[in-house]
Amino acid sequence: MDQEIEDIQTQSEVQDKILLAALKLFTEKGYFNTSLIDIKEAAGLKTTGIIYQHFKTKQMIAVQLHANIFDSLSISIDDIRRTNEKSSEQLRSIVDLLFKLTDDAPDVSRFLLVLNVNEFLPEAKPLHESAAFKKIISIIEVGIKEGEMRNISPQLGYAEFFGIIDNTLRLVLTGFLDRKADFYQSQAWLAAWNALAKK
């Protein structure tokens, strides 16, 4: 029994190593410029056969990465919605999360915001159609109904609000803005919130 648990933990650790190595390589070199040999070496594995024990193809690695990142983000947004009553507080916490993610885990943010995922995952939904980002649209919808935000289409509100946040983070991730995301967070929040706030 103990050996089985240890084997499962070891398998899970190896899978995590593969996913982390692939994430870094996909966001630095690009999906198509990354080989399984690159992933094997970056993960510190002896053979590519170990990768095949966990993933049949490079695309399956990308599918799992995509699922993990979006599931985690969706869960985080659910937690934010539970712990903050007002829509403005929820949006502020989501912005805080995205800026912190950009500083603490830039590869995850690059995968979310910079990589053109549809090039290698054609079945993947666009960012604004993902469950996580539909929740942001719902938050805006509630904020409009409760009179906290101006009366506009929730989708347009999302485009105006998230456009500012998304562009700021992309400019940090690509090096156009040369400081950490945290430096720009307050300014970006104010600009984004002003696009929605009822005056």
Protein backbone atom coordinates (compact mmCIF):
# COMPACT_ATOMS: atom_id res chain seq x y z
CA MET A 1 0.00 0.00 0.00
CA ASP A 2 2.76 2.46 0.99
CA GLN A 3 4.67 1.55 -2.17
CA GLU A 4 1.57 2.22 -4.29
CA ILE A 5 1.13 5.67 -2.72
CA GLU A 6 4.83 6.42 -3.24
CA ASP A 7 4.59 5.30 -6.91
CA ILE A 8 1.56 7.54 -7.46
CA GLN A 9 3.37 10.50 -5.86
CA THR A 10 6.46 9.86 -7.97
CA GLN A 11 4.33 9.61 -11.14
CA SER A 12 2.59 12.87 -10.24
CA GLU A 13 5.94 14.58 -9.56
CA VAL A 14 7.30 13.45 -12.95
CA GLN A 15 4.15 14.66 -14.70
CA ASP A 16 4.47 18.06 -12.95
CA LYS A 17 8.12 18.30 -14.03
CA ILE A 18 7.13 17.62 -17.64
CA LEU A 19 4.34 20.20 -17.54
CA LEU A 20 6.51 22.89 -15.92
CA ALA A 21 9.34 22.30 -18.38
CA ALA A 22 6.93 22.41 -21.32
CA LEU A 23 5.30 25.60 -20.02
CA LYS A 24 8.65 27.36 -19.81
CA LEU A 25 9.76 26.16 -23.24
CA PHE A 26 6.44 26.88 -24.99
CA THR A 27 6.43 30.44 -23.66
CA GLU A 28 10.13 31.08 -24.38
CA LYS A 29 10.74 29.24 -27.67
CA GLY A 30 7.21 28.71 -28.93
CA TYR A 31 5.24 25.50 -29.18
CA PHE A 32 6.47 24.55 -32.66
CA ASN A 33 10.12 25.22 -31.79
CA THR A 34 9.97 22.96 -28.75
CA SER A 35 10.70 19.26 -29.16
CA LEU A 36 10.07 16.38 -26.77
CA ILE A 37 13.86 16.13 -26.43
CA ASP A 38 13.90 19.77 -25.26
CA ILE A 39 11.19 18.98 -22.71
CA LYS A 40 13.02 15.83 -21.57
CA GLU A 41 16.23 17.81 -20.98
CA ALA A 42 14.49 20.75 -19.28
CA ALA A 43 12.61 18.35 -16.98
CA GLY A 44 15.82 16.48 -16.14
CA LEU A 45 14.54 13.14 -17.41
CA LYS A 46 16.73 10.34 -18.73
CA THR A 47 14.69 9.48 -21.83
CA THR A 48 11.77 10.78 -23.86
CA GLY A 49 10.14 7.41 -23.15
CA ILE A 50 9.34 8.74 -19.67
CA ILE A 51 7.32 11.54 -21.29
CA TYR A 52 5.39 8.99 -23.36
CA GLN A 53 4.41 7.19 -20.14
CA HIS A 54 2.45 10.33 -19.21
CA PHE A 55 1.55 12.00 -22.52
CA LYS A 56 1.16 10.38 -25.94
CA THR A 57 2.01 13.59 -27.83
CA LYS A 58 3.38 17.08 -27.35
CA GLN A 59 -0.12 18.37 -28.07
CA MET A 60 -1.48 16.35 -25.14
CA ILE A 61 1.02 18.15 -22.91
CA ALA A 62 -0.31 21.48 -24.21
CA VAL A 63 -3.92 20.35 -23.68
CA GLN A 64 -3.17 19.42 -20.06
CA LEU A 65 -1.33 22.70 -19.44
CA HIS A 66 -4.24 24.67 -20.88
CA ALA A 67 -6.75 22.77 -18.74
CA ASN A 68 -4.68 23.15 -15.56
CA ILE A 69 -4.15 26.90 -16.00
CA PHE A 70 -7.76 27.68 -16.84
CA ASP A 71 -9.17 25.39 -14.13
CA SER A 72 -6.92 27.01 -11.54
CA LEU A 73 -7.91 30.50 -12.67
CA SER A 74 -11.60 29.58 -12.62
CA ILE A 75 -11.32 28.21 -9.07
CA SER A 76 -9.50 31.38 -7.95
CA ILE A 77 -12.25 33.56 -9.43
CA ASP A 78 -14.89 31.46 -7.63
CA ASP A 79 -13.02 32.02 -4.34
CA ILE A 80 -12.87 35.77 -5.03
CA ARG A 81 -16.61 35.88 -5.74
CA ARG A 82 -17.36 34.06 -2.48
CA THR A 83 -15.20 36.34 -0.33
CA ASN A 84 -16.10 39.74 -1.86
CA GLU A 85 -19.66 41.04 -1.92
CA LYS A 86 -19.55 43.97 -4.35
CA SER A 87 -18.75 43.59 -8.04
CA SER A 88 -16.10 46.32 -7.82
CA GLU A 89 -14.34 44.42 -5.02
CA GLN A 90 -14.48 41.20 -7.04
CA LEU A 91 -13.00 42.88 -10.12
CA ARG A 92 -10.30 44.54 -8.01
CA SER A 93 -9.34 41.17 -6.51
CA ILE A 94 -9.21 39.56 -9.97
CA VAL A 95 -6.93 42.36 -11.18
CA ASP A 96 -4.75 41.84 -8.09
CA LEU A 97 -4.59 38.12 -8.89
CA LEU A 98 -3.62 38.67 -12.54
CA PHE A 99 -0.91 41.21 -11.70
CA LYS A 100 0.49 38.97 -8.94
CA LEU A 101 0.45 36.01 -11.33
CA THR A 102 2.36 38.05 -13.90
CA ASP A 103 5.09 38.89 -11.39
CA ASP A 104 5.22 35.52 -9.59
CA ALA A 105 4.53 33.11 -12.48
CA PRO A 106 5.22 34.98 -15.74
CA ASP A 107 5.20 31.79 -17.82
CA VAL A 108 1.62 31.10 -16.75
CA SER A 109 0.61 34.66 -17.69
CA ARG A 110 2.42 34.36 -21.04
CA PHE A 111 0.52 31.15 -21.75
CA LEU A 112 -2.75 32.91 -20.87
CA LEU A 113 -2.20 36.27 -22.54
CA VAL A 114 0.66 36.21 -25.06
CA LEU A 115 0.83 32.78 -26.71
CA ASN A 116 -1.49 32.25 -29.65
CA VAL A 117 -2.83 28.99 -28.25
CA ASN A 118 -5.18 28.43 -31.19
CA GLU A 119 -2.17 27.79 -33.44
CA PHE A 120 -1.47 24.51 -31.65
CA LEU A 121 -4.77 23.90 -29.84
CA PRO A 122 -7.36 24.73 -32.51
CA GLU A 123 -10.20 23.39 -30.33
CA ALA A 124 -9.36 25.75 -27.46
CA LYS A 125 -11.91 28.47 -26.80
CA PRO A 126 -10.78 32.09 -27.06
CA LEU A 127 -9.89 33.69 -23.74
CA HIS A 128 -13.18 35.61 -23.49
CA GLU A 129 -15.17 32.38 -23.99
CA SER A 130 -13.37 30.43 -21.26
CA ALA A 131 -15.29 29.64 -18.06
CA ALA A 132 -12.95 31.86 -16.03
CA PHE A 133 -13.46 34.92 -18.18
CA LYS A 134 -17.21 34.35 -18.58
CA LYS A 135 -17.31 34.73 -14.80
CA ILE A 136 -15.76 38.20 -15.17
CA ILE A 137 -18.54 39.10 -17.63
CA SER A 138 -21.10 37.84 -15.07
CA ILE A 139 -19.53 40.01 -12.37
CA ILE A 140 -19.85 43.03 -14.66
CA GLU A 141 -23.46 42.09 -15.43
CA VAL A 142 -24.29 42.03 -11.71
CA GLY A 143 -22.47 45.34 -11.18
CA ILE A 144 -24.58 46.94 -13.92
CA LYS A 145 -27.84 45.54 -12.47
CA GLU A 146 -26.93 46.77 -8.98
CA GLY A 147 -26.14 50.26 -10.30
CA GLU A 148 -22.47 50.12 -9.40
CA MET A 149 -21.44 50.27 -13.06
CA ARG A 150 -22.78 52.29 -15.95
CA ASN A 151 -25.51 50.80 -18.08
CA ILE A 152 -23.70 49.22 -21.03
CA SER A 153 -23.58 45.79 -22.58
CA PRO A 154 -21.70 43.46 -20.18
CA GLN A 155 -19.62 42.20 -23.12
CA LEU A 156 -18.63 45.75 -24.05
CA GLY A 157 -17.90 46.47 -20.40
CA TYR A 158 -15.66 43.40 -20.31
CA ALA A 159 -13.89 44.51 -23.52
CA GLU A 160 -13.24 48.00 -22.17
CA PHE A 161 -12.25 46.84 -18.68
CA PHE A 162 -10.21 43.78 -19.54
CA GLY A 163 -8.68 45.42 -22.61
CA ILE A 164 -6.78 47.81 -20.34
CA ILE A 165 -5.70 45.06 -17.93
CA ASP A 166 -4.77 42.62 -20.70
CA ASN A 167 -2.74 45.18 -22.66
CA THR A 168 -0.87 46.38 -19.58
CA LEU A 169 0.09 42.82 -18.63
CA ARG A 170 1.08 41.93 -22.20
CA LEU A 171 3.34 45.00 -22.36
CA VAL A 172 5.00 43.94 -19.08
CA LEU A 173 5.41 40.33 -20.28
CA THR A 174 6.93 41.38 -23.61
CA GLY A 175 9.29 43.89 -21.97
CA PHE A 176 7.79 47.03 -23.50
CA LEU A 177 6.99 48.19 -19.96
CA ASP A 178 10.27 47.68 -18.15
CA ARG A 179 9.15 47.34 -14.52
CA LYS A 180 7.33 44.57 -12.70
CA ALA A 181 3.56 44.39 -13.17
CA ASP A 182 3.00 45.53 -9.58
CA PHE A 183 4.41 48.97 -10.47
CA TYR A 184 1.61 49.57 -13.00
CA GLN A 185 -1.21 47.88 -11.10
CA SER A 186 -2.86 50.92 -9.47
CA GLN A 187 -2.79 52.98 -12.66
CA ALA A 188 -4.17 50.11 -14.74
CA TRP A 189 -6.91 49.42 -12.19
CA LEU A 190 -7.99 53.07 -12.13
CA ALA A 191 -8.11 53.30 -15.92
CA ALA A 192 -10.01 50.00 -16.21
CA TRP A 193 -12.45 50.83 -13.42
CA ASN A 194 -13.13 54.30 -14.87
CA ALA A 195 -14.25 52.57 -18.07
CA LEU A 196 -17.02 50.84 -16.06
CA ALA A 197 -17.79 52.97 -13.01
CA LYS A 198 -21.10 54.78 -12.83
CA LYS A 199 -20.26 58.47 -12.68
